PDB file of N, CA and C in Angstrom:
ATOM      1  N   UNK A   1      98.144  -6.646   5.831  1.00  0.00           N
ATOM      2  CA  UNK A   1      98.398  -5.279   6.147  1.00  0.00           C
ATOM      3  C   UNK A   1      97.179  -4.550   6.676  1.00  0.00           C
ATOM      4  N   UNK A   2      96.030  -5.125   6.731  1.00  0.00           N
ATOM      5  CA  UNK A   2      94.887  -4.432   7.199  1.00  0.00           C
ATOM      6  C   UNK A   2      94.946  -3.976   8.661  1.00  0.00           C
ATOM      7  N   UNK A   3      95.610  -4.806   9.528  1.00  0.00           N
ATOM      8  CA  UNK A   3      95.640  -4.566  10.966  1.00  0.00           C
ATOM      9  C   UNK A   3      96.267  -3.168  11.296  1.00  0.00           C
ATOM     10  N   UNK A   4      97.334  -2.822  10.636  1.00  0.00           N
ATOM     11  CA  UNK A   4      98.013  -1.530  11.027  1.00  0.00           C
ATOM     12  C   UNK A   4      97.164  -0.317  10.448  1.00  0.00           C
ATOM     13  N   UNK A   5      96.544  -0.525   9.331  1.00  0.00           N
ATOM     14  CA  UNK A   5      95.687   0.561   8.809  1.00  0.00           C
ATOM     15  C   UNK A   5      94.479   0.731   9.695  1.00  0.00           C
ATOM     16  N   UNK A   6      93.868  -0.331  10.025  1.00  0.00           N
ATOM     17  CA  UNK A   6      92.593  -0.158  10.874  1.00  0.00           C
ATOM     18  C   UNK A   6      93.065   0.330  12.225  1.00  0.00           C
ATOM     19  N   UNK A   7      94.146  -0.146  12.774  1.00  0.00           N
ATOM     20  CA  UNK A   7      94.573   0.334  14.171  1.00  0.00           C
ATOM     21  C   UNK A   7      94.863   1.857  14.097  1.00  0.00           C
ATOM     22  N   UNK A   8      95.455   2.397  13.061  1.00  0.00           N
ATOM     23  CA  UNK A   8      95.717   3.739  12.881  1.00  0.00           C
ATOM     24  C   UNK A   8      94.377   4.549  12.731  1.00  0.00           C
ATOM     25  N   UNK A   9      93.422   3.996  12.039  1.00  0.00           N
ATOM     26  CA  UNK A   9      92.151   4.607  11.897  1.00  0.00           C
ATOM     27  C   UNK A   9      91.421   4.759  13.262  1.00  0.00           C
ATOM     28  N   UNK A  10      91.584   3.630  14.015  1.00  0.00           N
ATOM     29  CA  UNK A  10      91.014   3.740  15.455  1.00  0.00           C
ATOM     30  C   UNK A  10      91.684   4.732  16.246  1.00  0.00           C
ATOM     31  N   UNK A  11      93.014   4.890  16.084  1.00  0.00           N
ATOM     32  CA  UNK A  11      93.730   6.000  16.935  1.00  0.00           C
ATOM     33  C   UNK A  11      93.318   7.393  16.450  1.00  0.00           C
ATOM     34  N   UNK A  12      92.828   7.543  15.250  1.00  0.00           N
ATOM     35  CA  UNK A  12      92.295   8.887  14.855  1.00  0.00           C
ATOM     36  C   UNK A  12      90.876   9.088  15.320  1.00  0.00           C
ATOM     37  N   UNK A  13      90.063   8.112  15.361  1.00  0.00           N
ATOM     38  CA  UNK A  13      88.645   8.176  15.667  1.00  0.00           C
ATOM     39  C   UNK A  13      88.428   8.310  17.109  1.00  0.00           C
ATOM     40  N   UNK A  14      89.249   7.558  18.022  1.00  0.00           N
ATOM     41  CA  UNK A  14      88.970   7.576  19.386  1.00  0.00           C
ATOM     42  C   UNK A  14      89.086   8.908  20.095  1.00  0.00           C
ATOM     43  N   UNK A  15      90.103   9.700  19.811  1.00  0.00           N
ATOM     44  CA  UNK A  15      90.209  11.113  20.420  1.00  0.00           C
ATOM     45  C   UNK A  15      88.995  11.967  20.022  1.00  0.00           C
ATOM     46  N   UNK A  16      88.487  11.860  18.877  1.00  0.00           N
ATOM     47  CA  UNK A  16      87.266  12.626  18.372  1.00  0.00           C
ATOM     48  C   UNK A  16      86.061  12.283  19.058  1.00  0.00           C
ATOM     49  N   UNK A  17      85.934  10.953  19.460  1.00  0.00           N
ATOM     50  CA  UNK A  17      84.679  10.397  20.100  1.00  0.00           C
ATOM     51  C   UNK A  17      85.149   9.613  21.168  1.00  0.00           C
ATOM     52  N   UNK A  18      85.654  10.134  22.355  1.00  0.00           N
ATOM     53  CA  UNK A  18      86.087   9.327  23.470  1.00  0.00           C
ATOM     54  C   UNK A  18      85.091   8.458  24.222  1.00  0.00           C
ATOM     55  N   UNK A  19      83.812   8.818  24.048  1.00  0.00           N
ATOM     56  CA  UNK A  19      82.807   8.037  24.780  1.00  0.00           C
ATOM     57  C   UNK A  19      82.293   6.915  23.941  1.00  0.00           C
ATOM     58  N   UNK A  20      82.745   6.728  22.619  1.00  0.00           N
ATOM     59  CA  UNK A  20      82.392   5.551  21.791  1.00  0.00           C
ATOM     60  C   UNK A  20      82.927   4.313  22.279  1.00  0.00           C
ATOM     61  N   UNK A  21      82.115   3.318  22.237  1.00  0.00           N
ATOM     62  CA  UNK A  21      82.653   1.897  22.552  1.00  0.00           C
ATOM     63  C   UNK A  21      83.410   1.369  21.343  1.00  0.00           C
ATOM     64  N   UNK A  22      84.161   0.277  21.610  1.00  0.00           N
ATOM     65  CA  UNK A  22      84.831  -0.395  20.519  1.00  0.00           C
ATOM     66  C   UNK A  22      83.828  -0.808  19.417  1.00  0.00           C
ATOM     67  N   UNK A  23      82.636  -1.242  19.768  1.00  0.00           N
ATOM     68  CA  UNK A  23      81.756  -1.620  18.655  1.00  0.00           C
ATOM     69  C   UNK A  23      81.263  -0.481  17.831  1.00  0.00           C
ATOM     70  N   UNK A  24      81.116   0.732  18.462  1.00  0.00           N
ATOM     71  CA  UNK A  24      80.664   2.007  17.781  1.00  0.00           C
ATOM     72  C   UNK A  24      81.854   2.394  16.787  1.00  0.00           C
ATOM     73  N   UNK A  25      83.073   2.300  17.253  1.00  0.00           N
ATOM     74  CA  UNK A  25      84.221   2.663  16.372  1.00  0.00           C
ATOM     75  C   UNK A  25      84.242   1.703  15.241  1.00  0.00           C
ATOM     76  N   UNK A  26      84.081   0.374  15.460  1.00  0.00           N
ATOM     77  CA  UNK A  26      84.083  -0.570  14.378  1.00  0.00           C
ATOM     78  C   UNK A  26      83.023  -0.267  13.432  1.00  0.00           C
ATOM     79  N   UNK A  27      81.834   0.040  13.940  1.00  0.00           N
ATOM     80  CA  UNK A  27      80.640   0.390  13.129  1.00  0.00           C
ATOM     81  C   UNK A  27      80.950   1.521  12.198  1.00  0.00           C
ATOM     82  N   UNK A  28      81.526   2.585  12.751  1.00  0.00           N
ATOM     83  CA  UNK A  28      81.847   3.824  11.968  1.00  0.00           C
ATOM     84  C   UNK A  28      82.777   3.483  10.809  1.00  0.00           C
ATOM     85  N   UNK A  29      83.811   2.619  11.175  1.00  0.00           N
ATOM     86  CA  UNK A  29      84.792   2.360  10.149  1.00  0.00           C
ATOM     87  C   UNK A  29      84.054   1.442   9.021  1.00  0.00           C
ATOM     88  N   UNK A  30      83.315   0.429   9.433  1.00  0.00           N
ATOM     89  CA  UNK A  30      82.698  -0.441   8.509  1.00  0.00           C
ATOM     90  C   UNK A  30      81.605   0.246   7.630  1.00  0.00           C
ATOM     91  N   UNK A  31      80.769   0.985   8.342  1.00  0.00           N
ATOM     92  CA  UNK A  31      79.733   1.664   7.515  1.00  0.00           C
ATOM     93  C   UNK A  31      80.060   2.706   6.549  1.00  0.00           C
ATOM     94  N   UNK A  32      81.327   3.261   6.726  1.00  0.00           N
ATOM     95  CA  UNK A  32      81.831   4.289   5.759  1.00  0.00           C
ATOM     96  C   UNK A  32      82.844   3.691   4.773  1.00  0.00           C
ATOM     97  N   UNK A  33      83.037   2.357   4.863  1.00  0.00           N
ATOM     98  CA  UNK A  33      83.965   1.753   3.855  1.00  0.00           C
ATOM     99  C   UNK A  33      83.428   1.808   2.501  1.00  0.00           C
ATOM    100  N   UNK A  34      84.259   1.769   1.485  1.00  0.00           N
ATOM    101  CA  UNK A  34      83.803   1.884   0.181  1.00  0.00           C
ATOM    102  C   UNK A  34      84.148   0.614  -0.663  1.00  0.00           C
ATOM    103  N   UNK A  35      83.229   0.341  -1.582  1.00  0.00           N
ATOM    104  CA  UNK A  35      83.393  -0.910  -2.425  1.00  0.00           C
ATOM    105  C   UNK A  35      84.107  -0.569  -3.746  1.00  0.00           C
ATOM    106  N   UNK A  36      84.464   0.700  -3.778  1.00  0.00           N
ATOM    107  CA  UNK A  36      85.345   1.183  -4.958  1.00  0.00           C
ATOM    108  C   UNK A  36      86.686   1.403  -4.501  1.00  0.00           C
ATOM    109  N   UNK A  37      87.632   0.985  -5.353  1.00  0.00           N
ATOM    110  CA  UNK A  37      89.033   1.185  -4.949  1.00  0.00           C
ATOM    111  C   UNK A  37      89.590   2.652  -5.157  1.00  0.00           C
ATOM    112  N   UNK A  38      90.855   2.768  -4.998  1.00  0.00           N
ATOM    113  CA  UNK A  38      91.393   4.228  -5.065  1.00  0.00           C
ATOM    114  C   UNK A  38      91.492   4.706  -6.502  1.00  0.00           C
ATOM    115  N   UNK A  39      91.250   3.857  -7.533  1.00  0.00           N
ATOM    116  CA  UNK A  39      91.180   4.296  -8.937  1.00  0.00           C
ATOM    117  C   UNK A  39      89.873   4.473  -9.467  1.00  0.00           C
ATOM    118  N   UNK A  40      88.821   4.410  -8.506  1.00  0.00           N
ATOM    119  CA  UNK A  40      87.378   4.545  -8.812  1.00  0.00           C
ATOM    120  C   UNK A  40      86.886   3.479  -9.543  1.00  0.00           C
ATOM    121  N   UNK A  41      87.442   2.346  -9.540  1.00  0.00           N
ATOM    122  CA  UNK A  41      86.901   1.108 -10.128  1.00  0.00           C
ATOM    123  C   UNK A  41      86.463   0.158  -9.059  1.00  0.00           C
ATOM    124  N   UNK A  42      85.635  -0.779  -9.414  1.00  0.00           N
ATOM    125  CA  UNK A  42      85.135  -1.733  -8.405  1.00  0.00           C
ATOM    126  C   UNK A  42      86.359  -2.570  -7.945  1.00  0.00           C
ATOM    127  N   UNK A  43      86.262  -3.011  -6.664  1.00  0.00           N
ATOM    128  CA  UNK A  43      87.316  -3.897  -6.093  1.00  0.00           C
ATOM    129  C   UNK A  43      87.255  -5.177  -6.849  1.00  0.00           C
ATOM    130  N   UNK A  44      88.434  -5.710  -7.163  1.00  0.00           N
ATOM    131  CA  UNK A  44      88.542  -6.870  -7.987  1.00  0.00           C
ATOM    132  C   UNK A  44      89.243  -7.980  -7.292  1.00  0.00           C
ATOM    133  N   UNK A  45      89.120  -9.230  -7.691  1.00  0.00           N
ATOM    134  CA  UNK A  45      89.875 -10.343  -7.304  1.00  0.00           C
ATOM    135  C   UNK A  45      91.250 -10.394  -7.860  1.00  0.00           C
ATOM    136  N   UNK A  46      92.024 -11.339  -7.592  1.00  0.00           N
ATOM    137  CA  UNK A  46      93.443 -11.414  -8.105  1.00  0.00           C
ATOM    138  C   UNK A  46      93.443 -11.452  -9.589  1.00  0.00           C
ATOM    139  N   UNK A  47      92.593 -12.159 -10.178  1.00  0.00           N
ATOM    140  CA  UNK A  47      92.571 -12.454 -11.560  1.00  0.00           C
ATOM    141  C   UNK A  47      91.716 -11.391 -12.403  1.00  0.00           C
ATOM    142  N   UNK A  48      91.282 -10.349 -11.650  1.00  0.00           N
ATOM    143  CA  UNK A  48      90.518  -9.285 -12.333  1.00  0.00           C
ATOM    144  C   UNK A  48      89.033  -9.287 -12.391  1.00  0.00           C
ATOM    145  N   UNK A  49      88.461 -10.420 -11.900  1.00  0.00           N
ATOM    146  CA  UNK A  49      86.993 -10.456 -11.765  1.00  0.00           C
ATOM    147  C   UNK A  49      86.512  -9.519 -10.678  1.00  0.00           C
ATOM    148  N   UNK A  50      85.351  -8.997 -10.850  1.00  0.00           N
ATOM    149  CA  UNK A  50      84.757  -8.060  -9.786  1.00  0.00           C
ATOM    150  C   UNK A  50      84.485  -8.886  -8.582  1.00  0.00           C
ATOM    151  N   UNK A  51      84.917  -8.391  -7.441  1.00  0.00           N
ATOM    152  CA  UNK A  51      84.885  -9.052  -6.114  1.00  0.00           C
ATOM    153  C   UNK A  51      83.473  -8.867  -5.573  1.00  0.00           C
ATOM    154  N   UNK A  52      83.146  -9.792  -4.756  1.00  0.00           N
ATOM    155  CA  UNK A  52      81.815  -9.695  -4.001  1.00  0.00           C
ATOM    156  C   UNK A  52      82.146  -9.358  -2.504  1.00  0.00           C
ATOM    157  N   UNK A  53      81.074  -9.177  -1.759  1.00  0.00           N
ATOM    158  CA  UNK A  53      81.252  -8.784  -0.338  1.00  0.00           C
ATOM    159  C   UNK A  53      81.939 -10.015   0.428  1.00  0.00           C
ATOM    160  N   UNK A  54      81.806 -11.205  -0.126  1.00  0.00           N
ATOM    161  CA  UNK A  54      82.459 -12.316   0.476  1.00  0.00           C
ATOM    162  C   UNK A  54      84.005 -12.230   0.199  1.00  0.00           C
ATOM    163  N   UNK A  55      84.426 -11.494  -0.717  1.00  0.00           N
ATOM    164  CA  UNK A  55      85.933 -11.309  -1.018  1.00  0.00           C
ATOM    165  C   UNK A  55      86.485 -10.060  -0.290  1.00  0.00           C
ATOM    166  N   UNK A  56      85.789  -8.912  -0.172  1.00  0.00           N
ATOM    167  CA  UNK A  56      86.304  -7.799   0.337  1.00  0.00           C
ATOM    168  C   UNK A  56      85.754  -7.372   1.736  1.00  0.00           C
ATOM    169  N   UNK A  57      84.762  -8.084   2.187  1.00  0.00           N
ATOM    170  CA  UNK A  57      84.180  -7.711   3.586  1.00  0.00           C
ATOM    171  C   UNK A  57      83.448  -6.388   3.425  1.00  0.00           C
ATOM    172  N   UNK A  58      83.687  -5.466   4.359  1.00  0.00           N
ATOM    173  CA  UNK A  58      83.002  -4.129   4.304  1.00  0.00           C
ATOM    174  C   UNK A  58      83.490  -3.245   3.139  1.00  0.00           C
ATOM    175  N   UNK A  59      84.791  -3.542   2.765  1.00  0.00           N
ATOM    176  CA  UNK A  59      85.389  -2.689   1.620  1.00  0.00           C
ATOM    177  C   UNK A  59      86.664  -2.062   2.052  1.00  0.00           C
ATOM    178  N   UNK A  60      87.065  -1.002   1.392  1.00  0.00           N
ATOM    179  CA  UNK A  60      88.199  -0.282   1.572  1.00  0.00           C
ATOM    180  C   UNK A  60      87.885   0.825   2.600  1.00  0.00           C
ATOM    181  N   UNK A  61      88.618   0.852   3.696  1.00  0.00           N
ATOM    182  CA  UNK A  61      88.340   1.893   4.689  1.00  0.00           C
ATOM    183  C   UNK A  61      88.673   3.323   4.210  1.00  0.00           C
ATOM    184  N   UNK A  62      87.922   4.254   4.780  1.00  0.00           N
ATOM    185  CA  UNK A  62      88.186   5.627   4.471  1.00  0.00           C
ATOM    186  C   UNK A  62      88.857   6.252   5.583  1.00  0.00           C
ATOM    187  N   UNK A  63      89.743   7.239   5.286  1.00  0.00           N
ATOM    188  CA  UNK A  63      90.483   7.909   6.324  1.00  0.00           C
ATOM    189  C   UNK A  63      89.646   9.119   6.941  1.00  0.00           C
ATOM    190  N   UNK A  64      88.671   9.530   6.315  1.00  0.00           N
ATOM    191  CA  UNK A  64      87.850  10.659   6.809  1.00  0.00           C
ATOM    192  C   UNK A  64      86.410  10.213   7.158  1.00  0.00           C
ATOM    193  N   UNK A  65      85.885   9.208   6.513  1.00  0.00           N
ATOM    194  CA  UNK A  65      84.589   8.750   6.779  1.00  0.00           C
ATOM    195  C   UNK A  65      84.162   8.450   8.182  1.00  0.00           C
ATOM    196  N   UNK A  66      84.940   7.706   8.900  1.00  0.00           N
ATOM    197  CA  UNK A  66      84.631   7.411  10.271  1.00  0.00           C
ATOM    198  C   UNK A  66      84.520   8.610  11.246  1.00  0.00           C
ATOM    199  N   UNK A  67      85.146   9.730  10.852  1.00  0.00           N
ATOM    200  CA  UNK A  67      85.160  10.962  11.666  1.00  0.00           C
ATOM    201  C   UNK A  67      83.700  11.606  11.531  1.00  0.00           C
ATOM    202  N   UNK A  68      82.892  11.213  10.551  1.00  0.00           N
ATOM    203  CA  UNK A  68      81.579  11.805  10.371  1.00  0.00           C
ATOM    204  C   UNK A  68      80.680  10.709   9.763  1.00  0.00           C
ATOM    205  N   UNK A  69      80.452   9.668  10.512  1.00  0.00           N
ATOM    206  CA  UNK A  69      79.864   8.557   9.865  1.00  0.00           C
ATOM    207  C   UNK A  69      78.304   8.662   9.482  1.00  0.00           C
ATOM    208  N   UNK A  70      77.557   9.501  10.265  1.00  0.00           N
ATOM    209  CA  UNK A  70      76.153   9.593   9.919  1.00  0.00           C
ATOM    210  C   UNK A  70      75.325   8.562  10.692  1.00  0.00           C
ATOM    211  N   UNK A  71      75.828   7.371  10.743  1.00  0.00           N
ATOM    212  CA  UNK A  71      75.016   6.260  11.389  1.00  0.00           C
ATOM    213  C   UNK A  71      76.012   5.328  12.012  1.00  0.00           C
ATOM    214  N   UNK A  72      75.860   5.082  13.354  1.00  0.00           N
ATOM    215  CA  UNK A  72      76.700   4.207  14.087  1.00  0.00           C
ATOM    216  C   UNK A  72      75.793   3.144  14.809  1.00  0.00           C
ATOM    217  N   UNK A  73      76.262   1.835  14.592  1.00  0.00           N
ATOM    218  CA  UNK A  73      75.505   0.791  15.380  1.00  0.00           C
ATOM    219  C   UNK A  73      76.193   0.485  16.646  1.00  0.00           C
ATOM    220  N   UNK A  74      75.436   0.537  17.729  1.00  0.00           N
ATOM    221  CA  UNK A  74      76.018   0.103  18.997  1.00  0.00           C
ATOM    222  C   UNK A  74      75.642  -1.264  19.333  1.00  0.00           C
ATOM    223  N   UNK A  75      76.470  -2.194  19.505  1.00  0.00           N
ATOM    224  CA  UNK A  75      76.132  -3.608  19.825  1.00  0.00           C
ATOM    225  C   UNK A  75      76.627  -4.030  21.206  1.00  0.00           C
ATOM    226  N   UNK A  76      75.926  -4.955  21.766  1.00  0.00           N
ATOM    227  CA  UNK A  76      76.507  -5.548  22.965  1.00  0.00           C
ATOM    228  C   UNK A  76      76.397  -7.093  22.922  1.00  0.00           C
ATOM    229  N   UNK A  77      76.920  -7.743  23.878  1.00  0.00           N
ATOM    230  CA  UNK A  77      76.943  -9.264  23.728  1.00  0.00           C
ATOM    231  C   UNK A  77      75.506  -9.775  23.586  1.00  0.00           C
ATOM    232  N   UNK A  78      74.501  -9.184  24.153  1.00  0.00           N
ATOM    233  CA  UNK A  78      73.095  -9.538  23.923  1.00  0.00           C
ATOM    234  C   UNK A  78      72.715  -9.621  22.537  1.00  0.00           C
ATOM    235  N   UNK A  79      73.218  -8.674  21.703  1.00  0.00           N
ATOM    236  CA  UNK A  79      72.889  -8.650  20.268  1.00  0.00           C
ATOM    237  C   UNK A  79      73.437  -9.922  19.451  1.00  0.00           C
ATOM    238  N   UNK A  80      74.357 -10.558  20.087  1.00  0.00           N
ATOM    239  CA  UNK A  80      74.892 -11.842  19.362  1.00  0.00           C
ATOM    240  C   UNK A  80      74.236 -13.019  19.874  1.00  0.00           C
TER     241      UNK A  80
END
């Protein structure tokens, strides 16, 4: 279910920052993600152990964070 949520977040961010590239929007979403879930506890695995970045990626996206990210990384194909 992450695709519909991230797609909706992109639809919210793009009108606010129409000049941002797809990589800038991705950066804003990822750098403002939280490693704390909505009950203010660390994100956990299925069996209850605390998850690592290998389990949850950037974390749980924020609905307001990407609108004021503070820091955005702009990448191009040269960076890869």
